Amino acid sequence: MTSLTLFYDGRCPLCVAEMRRLAELDSGARLIFEDINHADFSDRYPHIDPIAANRILHGQTNTGEMLYGLDVSCLAWKVVGKHRWMAALRWPVIRWFADIGYRCFARHRYTLSRYLTGQPRCTSHCENLPRHGK
């Protein structure tokens, strides 16, 4: 059974909204949510560079494999049994374009958050998510 730790930006309203939805759907408690902005993050995860994790979503499987960007999102949604269509984003030709789109989204997520939620970023943390799913 795959479990996945997601290292997300807790100051990004859109990022937190996605993590909140994943947490709601994670009935098997197979997802672990770690905000890269928490004060003790570097102590608990010294192998994760918070600056790099702020540029692109990072994830780690229960086997220790590191995943990045859409690979993390696609696996997280697969773990909770939703959005099966996202698997198409990992197909060879589509993957290339999807990854460019993801990097563009990640770079401009605060601006997009402002337009979509009215809040560009949270001053501390948008919401405390449970670390181990529900």
N, C-alpha and C. Protein backbone atom coordinates (compact mmCIF):
# COMPACT_ATOMS: atom_id res chain seq x y z
N MET A 1 0.85 -1.17 0.00
CA MET A 1 0.00 0.00 0.00
C MET A 1 0.90 1.24 0.00
N THR A 2 0.71 2.09 -1.00
CA THR A 2 1.51 3.30 -1.12
C THR A 2 1.03 4.36 -0.15
N SER A 3 1.98 4.98 0.52
CA SER A 3 1.67 6.20 1.27
C SER A 3 2.58 7.28 0.72
N LEU A 4 2.17 8.51 0.92
CA LEU A 4 2.87 9.63 0.32
C LEU A 4 2.89 10.81 1.27
N THR A 5 4.07 11.39 1.46
CA THR A 5 4.20 12.63 2.21
C THR A 5 4.27 13.76 1.20
N LEU A 6 3.40 14.75 1.37
CA LEU A 6 3.38 15.91 0.49
C LEU A 6 3.97 17.10 1.23
N PHE A 7 4.99 17.71 0.65
CA PHE A 7 5.65 18.88 1.21
C PHE A 7 5.11 20.09 0.46
N TYR A 8 4.15 20.79 1.07
CA TYR A 8 3.41 21.84 0.38
C TYR A 8 3.65 23.21 1.00
N ASP A 9 3.27 24.25 0.27
CA ASP A 9 3.39 25.64 0.70
C ASP A 9 2.12 26.04 1.45
N GLY A 10 2.20 26.08 2.76
CA GLY A 10 1.05 26.42 3.59
C GLY A 10 0.68 27.88 3.57
N ARG A 11 1.41 28.70 2.81
CA ARG A 11 1.07 30.11 2.66
C ARG A 11 0.35 30.39 1.35
N CYS A 12 0.14 29.36 0.57
CA CYS A 12 -0.52 29.49 -0.73
C CYS A 12 -1.96 29.01 -0.61
N PRO A 13 -2.94 29.92 -0.74
CA PRO A 13 -4.34 29.51 -0.60
C PRO A 13 -4.77 28.39 -1.55
N LEU A 14 -4.31 28.42 -2.80
CA LEU A 14 -4.68 27.36 -3.74
C LEU A 14 -4.05 26.03 -3.36
N CYS A 15 -2.80 26.08 -2.91
CA CYS A 15 -2.11 24.85 -2.50
C CYS A 15 -2.82 24.23 -1.30
N VAL A 16 -3.17 25.07 -0.34
CA VAL A 16 -3.84 24.59 0.87
C VAL A 16 -5.22 24.04 0.52
N ALA A 17 -5.91 24.67 -0.41
CA ALA A 17 -7.23 24.16 -0.82
C ALA A 17 -7.11 22.75 -1.40
N GLU A 18 -6.07 22.52 -2.22
CA GLU A 18 -5.89 21.17 -2.78
C GLU A 18 -5.54 20.18 -1.68
N MET A 19 -4.66 20.57 -0.76
CA MET A 19 -4.27 19.66 0.33
C MET A 19 -5.47 19.36 1.22
N ARG A 20 -6.29 20.37 1.48
CA ARG A 20 -7.48 20.17 2.31
C ARG A 20 -8.42 19.16 1.65
N ARG A 21 -8.61 19.28 0.34
CA ARG A 21 -9.49 18.35 -0.37
C ARG A 21 -8.92 16.94 -0.35
N LEU A 22 -7.61 16.82 -0.55
CA LEU A 22 -6.98 15.50 -0.48
C LEU A 22 -7.16 14.90 0.92
N ALA A 23 -6.99 15.73 1.96
CA ALA A 23 -7.14 15.24 3.34
C ALA A 23 -8.56 14.73 3.58
N GLU A 24 -9.55 15.45 3.04
CA GLU A 24 -10.95 15.03 3.20
C GLU A 24 -11.21 13.67 2.54
N LEU A 25 -10.56 13.43 1.43
CA LEU A 25 -10.78 12.19 0.67
C LEU A 25 -9.91 11.03 1.12
N ASP A 26 -8.95 11.30 1.97
CA ASP A 26 -7.96 10.29 2.38
C ASP A 26 -8.50 9.41 3.51
N SER A 27 -9.49 8.59 3.20
CA SER A 27 -10.11 7.75 4.23
C SER A 27 -9.15 6.70 4.78
N GLY A 28 -8.14 6.34 4.02
CA GLY A 28 -7.17 5.34 4.47
C GLY A 28 -5.98 5.93 5.19
N ALA A 29 -5.98 7.25 5.39
CA ALA A 29 -4.88 7.95 6.08
C ALA A 29 -3.52 7.57 5.48
N ARG A 30 -3.45 7.59 4.15
CA ARG A 30 -2.21 7.23 3.47
C ARG A 30 -1.42 8.45 3.02
N LEU A 31 -1.98 9.64 3.22
CA LEU A 31 -1.28 10.87 2.87
C LEU A 31 -0.83 11.58 4.13
N ILE A 32 0.36 12.12 4.08
CA ILE A 32 0.92 12.90 5.18
C ILE A 32 1.20 14.29 4.62
N PHE A 33 0.74 15.32 5.32
CA PHE A 33 0.86 16.69 4.85
C PHE A 33 1.87 17.44 5.71
N GLU A 34 2.89 17.98 5.06
CA GLU A 34 3.94 18.72 5.77
C GLU A 34 4.10 20.10 5.13
N ASP A 35 3.81 21.13 5.91
CA ASP A 35 3.95 22.51 5.46
C ASP A 35 5.42 22.89 5.52
N ILE A 36 5.99 23.27 4.39
CA ILE A 36 7.42 23.61 4.33
C ILE A 36 7.74 24.89 5.09
N ASN A 37 6.72 25.65 5.50
CA ASN A 37 6.94 26.90 6.23
C ASN A 37 6.93 26.74 7.75
N HIS A 38 6.63 25.56 8.25
CA HIS A 38 6.64 25.36 9.70
C HIS A 38 8.05 25.53 10.25
N ALA A 39 8.14 26.08 11.44
CA ALA A 39 9.43 26.39 12.04
C ALA A 39 10.34 25.18 12.17
N ASP A 40 9.79 24.01 12.45
CA ASP A 40 10.63 22.82 12.66
C ASP A 40 10.78 21.95 11.41
N PHE A 41 10.36 22.46 10.26
CA PHE A 41 10.39 21.65 9.04
C PHE A 41 11.80 21.15 8.72
N SER A 42 12.78 22.02 8.72
CA SER A 42 14.15 21.63 8.36
C SER A 42 14.75 20.65 9.35
N ASP A 43 14.34 20.74 10.61
CA ASP A 43 14.83 19.78 11.61
C ASP A 43 14.25 18.39 11.35
N ARG A 44 12.98 18.34 10.97
CA ARG A 44 12.33 17.05 10.76
C ARG A 44 12.64 16.45 9.39
N TYR A 45 12.92 17.30 8.42
CA TYR A 45 13.19 16.84 7.05
C TYR A 45 14.46 17.51 6.51
N PRO A 46 15.61 17.18 7.07
CA PRO A 46 16.85 17.85 6.63
C PRO A 46 17.21 17.56 5.18
N HIS A 47 16.67 16.50 4.61
CA HIS A 47 16.98 16.15 3.22
C HIS A 47 16.12 16.92 2.20
N ILE A 48 15.17 17.72 2.68
CA ILE A 48 14.32 18.51 1.79
C ILE A 48 14.75 19.98 1.89
N ASP A 49 15.11 20.56 0.76
CA ASP A 49 15.46 21.98 0.71
C ASP A 49 14.16 22.78 0.61
N PRO A 50 13.82 23.55 1.66
CA PRO A 50 12.55 24.28 1.64
C PRO A 50 12.45 25.29 0.49
N ILE A 51 13.59 25.83 0.06
CA ILE A 51 13.56 26.79 -1.05
C ILE A 51 13.17 26.06 -2.34
N ALA A 52 13.78 24.91 -2.58
CA ALA A 52 13.43 24.12 -3.77
C ALA A 52 11.98 23.63 -3.67
N ALA A 53 11.56 23.22 -2.47
CA ALA A 53 10.19 22.73 -2.28
C ALA A 53 9.17 23.86 -2.43
N ASN A 54 9.61 25.10 -2.26
CA ASN A 54 8.73 26.24 -2.47
C ASN A 54 8.57 26.54 -3.97
N ARG A 55 9.53 26.12 -4.77
CA ARG A 55 9.45 26.33 -6.22
C ARG A 55 8.58 25.29 -6.91
N ILE A 56 8.64 24.06 -6.40
CA ILE A 56 7.92 22.95 -7.02
C ILE A 56 7.52 21.96 -5.92
N LEU A 57 6.31 21.47 -5.99
CA LEU A 57 5.80 20.53 -5.00
C LEU A 57 6.72 19.31 -4.91
N HIS A 58 7.05 18.93 -3.69
CA HIS A 58 7.87 17.74 -3.43
C HIS A 58 7.02 16.70 -2.72
N GLY A 59 7.31 15.45 -2.97
CA GLY A 59 6.65 14.35 -2.29
C GLY A 59 7.62 13.22 -2.06
N GLN A 60 7.33 12.40 -1.06
CA GLN A 60 8.18 11.25 -0.77
C GLN A 60 7.29 10.05 -0.47
N THR A 61 7.55 8.95 -1.17
CA THR A 61 6.77 7.73 -0.95
C THR A 61 7.27 7.02 0.31
N ASN A 62 6.50 6.03 0.74
CA ASN A 62 6.90 5.26 1.92
C ASN A 62 8.18 4.46 1.68
N THR A 63 8.60 4.31 0.42
CA THR A 63 9.86 3.61 0.12
C THR A 63 11.04 4.58 0.07
N GLY A 64 10.77 5.87 0.26
CA GLY A 64 11.82 6.88 0.25
C GLY A 64 12.03 7.56 -1.09
N GLU A 65 11.30 7.11 -2.12
CA GLU A 65 11.44 7.72 -3.45
C GLU A 65 10.91 9.15 -3.43
N MET A 66 11.69 10.08 -3.97
CA MET A 66 11.28 11.47 -4.08
C MET A 66 10.58 11.69 -5.41
N LEU A 67 9.49 12.45 -5.36
CA LEU A 67 8.72 12.83 -6.55
C LEU A 67 8.58 14.34 -6.55
N TYR A 68 8.35 14.90 -7.74
CA TYR A 68 8.28 16.36 -7.86
C TYR A 68 7.15 16.78 -8.79
N GLY A 69 6.58 17.96 -8.50
CA GLY A 69 5.60 18.56 -9.39
C GLY A 69 4.36 17.71 -9.60
N LEU A 70 3.98 17.57 -10.86
CA LEU A 70 2.77 16.82 -11.19
C LEU A 70 2.86 15.35 -10.84
N ASP A 71 4.07 14.80 -10.75
CA ASP A 71 4.19 13.41 -10.32
C ASP A 71 3.62 13.24 -8.91
N VAL A 72 3.84 14.25 -8.06
CA VAL A 72 3.31 14.21 -6.69
C VAL A 72 1.79 14.34 -6.72
N SER A 73 1.29 15.33 -7.43
CA SER A 73 -0.16 15.55 -7.49
C SER A 73 -0.89 14.34 -8.05
N CYS A 74 -0.37 13.80 -9.15
CA CYS A 74 -1.03 12.65 -9.77
C CYS A 74 -1.07 11.45 -8.84
N LEU A 75 0.04 11.19 -8.14
CA LEU A 75 0.05 10.06 -7.21
C LEU A 75 -0.88 10.31 -6.03
N ALA A 76 -0.90 11.54 -5.51
CA ALA A 76 -1.78 11.85 -4.38
C ALA A 76 -3.24 11.60 -4.74
N TRP A 77 -3.67 12.08 -5.91
CA TRP A 77 -5.05 11.87 -6.33
C TRP A 77 -5.33 10.40 -6.60
N LYS A 78 -4.33 9.67 -7.08
CA LYS A 78 -4.50 8.23 -7.29
C LYS A 78 -4.67 7.51 -5.96
N VAL A 79 -3.89 7.92 -4.95
CA VAL A 79 -3.96 7.30 -3.63
C VAL A 79 -5.36 7.43 -3.04
N VAL A 80 -6.00 8.59 -3.26
CA VAL A 80 -7.35 8.78 -2.70
C VAL A 80 -8.44 8.30 -3.66
N GLY A 81 -8.04 7.74 -4.80
CA GLY A 81 -8.99 7.15 -5.73
C GLY A 81 -9.81 8.13 -6.55
N LYS A 82 -9.27 9.30 -6.78
CA LYS A 82 -10.00 10.32 -7.55
C LYS A 82 -9.16 10.81 -8.72
N HIS A 83 -9.83 11.48 -9.64
CA HIS A 83 -9.20 12.13 -10.79
C HIS A 83 -8.31 11.18 -11.59
N ARG A 84 -8.88 10.05 -11.96
CA ARG A 84 -8.12 9.07 -12.76
C ARG A 84 -7.62 9.66 -14.07
N TRP A 85 -8.31 10.67 -14.57
CA TRP A 85 -7.91 11.31 -15.83
C TRP A 85 -6.52 11.93 -15.72
N MET A 86 -6.08 12.25 -14.50
CA MET A 86 -4.77 12.88 -14.33
C MET A 86 -3.64 11.98 -14.79
N ALA A 87 -3.87 10.68 -14.85
CA ALA A 87 -2.83 9.76 -15.35
C ALA A 87 -2.40 10.14 -16.76
N ALA A 88 -3.31 10.71 -17.54
CA ALA A 88 -2.98 11.13 -18.90
C ALA A 88 -1.92 12.23 -18.90
N LEU A 89 -1.83 12.99 -17.82
CA LEU A 89 -0.81 14.05 -17.73
C LEU A 89 0.60 13.48 -17.64
N ARG A 90 0.73 12.19 -17.41
CA ARG A 90 2.04 11.55 -17.32
C ARG A 90 2.41 10.79 -18.59
N TRP A 91 1.53 10.80 -19.59
CA TRP A 91 1.85 10.16 -20.86
C TRP A 91 2.97 10.94 -21.53
N PRO A 92 3.87 10.27 -22.25
CA PRO A 92 5.10 10.90 -22.76
C PRO A 92 4.96 12.29 -23.40
N VAL A 93 4.18 12.46 -24.43
CA VAL A 93 4.11 13.77 -25.09
C VAL A 93 3.35 14.77 -24.22
N ILE A 94 2.24 14.34 -23.66
CA ILE A 94 1.43 15.23 -22.82
C ILE A 94 2.22 15.66 -21.59
N ARG A 95 3.02 14.76 -21.03
CA ARG A 95 3.81 15.05 -19.83
C ARG A 95 4.66 16.30 -20.01
N TRP A 96 5.30 16.41 -21.16
CA TRP A 96 6.19 17.54 -21.42
C TRP A 96 5.42 18.86 -21.32
N PHE A 97 4.26 18.94 -21.97
CA PHE A 97 3.46 20.16 -21.94
C PHE A 97 2.84 20.39 -20.55
N ALA A 98 2.38 19.32 -19.92
CA ALA A 98 1.78 19.44 -18.59
C ALA A 98 2.79 19.94 -17.57
N ASP A 99 4.03 19.47 -17.67
CA ASP A 99 5.07 19.92 -16.74
C ASP A 99 5.40 21.39 -16.94
N ILE A 100 5.41 21.86 -18.17
CA ILE A 100 5.61 23.29 -18.43
C ILE A 100 4.47 24.08 -17.81
N GLY A 101 3.24 23.62 -18.01
CA GLY A 101 2.08 24.29 -17.42
C GLY A 101 2.15 24.30 -15.90
N TYR A 102 2.56 23.18 -15.30
CA TYR A 102 2.68 23.12 -13.85
C TYR A 102 3.73 24.11 -13.35
N ARG A 103 4.89 24.15 -14.00
CA ARG A 103 5.95 25.07 -13.56
C ARG A 103 5.49 26.52 -13.66
N CYS A 104 4.72 26.83 -14.69
CA CYS A 104 4.17 28.18 -14.84
C CYS A 104 3.18 28.46 -13.70
N PHE A 105 2.30 27.50 -13.42
CA PHE A 105 1.36 27.65 -12.30
C PHE A 105 2.13 27.86 -10.99
N ALA A 106 3.13 27.02 -10.73
CA ALA A 106 3.87 27.09 -9.47
C ALA A 106 4.55 28.45 -9.32
N ARG A 107 5.10 28.96 -10.40
CA ARG A 107 5.81 30.24 -10.35
C ARG A 107 4.85 31.39 -10.07
N HIS A 108 3.62 31.29 -10.55
CA HIS A 108 2.65 32.39 -10.44
C HIS A 108 1.48 32.06 -9.52
N ARG A 109 1.65 31.12 -8.61
CA ARG A 109 0.53 30.65 -7.78
C ARG A 109 -0.03 31.73 -6.86
N TYR A 110 0.79 32.66 -6.40
CA TYR A 110 0.27 33.71 -5.52
C TYR A 110 -0.61 34.69 -6.30
N THR A 111 -0.19 35.02 -7.52
CA THR A 111 -1.01 35.89 -8.37
C THR A 111 -2.32 35.19 -8.73
N LEU A 112 -2.23 33.92 -9.10
CA LEU A 112 -3.44 33.16 -9.42
C LEU A 112 -4.35 33.05 -8.19
N SER A 113 -3.76 32.87 -7.02
CA SER A 113 -4.56 32.80 -5.79
C SER A 113 -5.31 34.10 -5.57
N ARG A 114 -4.65 35.23 -5.83
CA ARG A 114 -5.30 36.52 -5.64
C ARG A 114 -6.52 36.64 -6.55
N TYR A 115 -6.38 36.22 -7.81
CA TYR A 115 -7.51 36.31 -8.75
C TYR A 115 -8.62 35.31 -8.43
N LEU A 116 -8.26 34.13 -7.97
CA LEU A 116 -9.26 33.08 -7.76
C LEU A 116 -9.87 33.07 -6.36
N THR A 117 -9.11 33.53 -5.36
CA THR A 117 -9.61 33.48 -3.99
C THR A 117 -9.70 34.85 -3.34
N GLY A 118 -9.11 35.87 -3.97
CA GLY A 118 -9.07 37.19 -3.37
C GLY A 118 -7.96 37.36 -2.36
N GLN A 119 -7.19 36.32 -2.15
CA GLN A 119 -6.11 36.34 -1.16
C GLN A 119 -4.83 35.83 -1.85
N PRO A 120 -3.81 36.71 -2.01
CA PRO A 120 -2.61 36.26 -2.71
C PRO A 120 -1.78 35.25 -1.94
N ARG A 121 -1.66 35.46 -0.66
CA ARG A 121 -0.93 34.51 0.19
C ARG A 121 -1.34 34.76 1.63
N CYS A 122 -1.15 33.77 2.44
CA CYS A 122 -1.46 33.88 3.86
C CYS A 122 -0.22 34.41 4.57
N THR A 123 -0.43 35.23 5.58
CA THR A 123 0.71 35.81 6.27
C THR A 123 1.44 34.80 7.14
N SER A 124 0.73 33.84 7.69
CA SER A 124 1.41 32.78 8.44
C SER A 124 1.11 31.46 7.74
N HIS A 125 0.08 30.77 8.13
CA HIS A 125 -0.32 29.53 7.47
C HIS A 125 -1.82 29.64 7.20
N CYS A 126 -2.24 29.25 6.00
CA CYS A 126 -3.65 29.38 5.62
C CYS A 126 -4.56 28.59 6.55
N GLU A 127 -4.15 27.39 6.87
CA GLU A 127 -4.97 26.52 7.71
C GLU A 127 -4.09 25.37 8.17
N ASN A 128 -4.28 24.96 9.38
CA ASN A 128 -3.54 23.80 9.85
C ASN A 128 -4.23 22.54 9.35
N LEU A 129 -3.51 21.77 8.56
CA LEU A 129 -4.03 20.49 8.08
C LEU A 129 -3.55 19.39 8.99
N PRO A 130 -4.30 18.33 9.08
CA PRO A 130 -3.78 17.18 9.84
C PRO A 130 -2.57 16.63 9.10
N ARG A 131 -1.56 16.24 9.84
CA ARG A 131 -0.35 15.72 9.19
C ARG A 131 -0.59 14.35 8.59
N HIS A 132 -1.44 13.55 9.21
CA HIS A 132 -1.67 12.17 8.76
C HIS A 132 -3.11 11.99 8.31
N GLY A 133 -3.49 12.66 7.23
CA GLY A 133 -4.84 12.51 6.71
C GLY A 133 -5.88 12.93 7.73
N LYS A 134 -6.95 12.16 7.83
CA LYS A 134 -8.06 12.52 8.72
C LYS A 134 -7.70 12.30 10.16
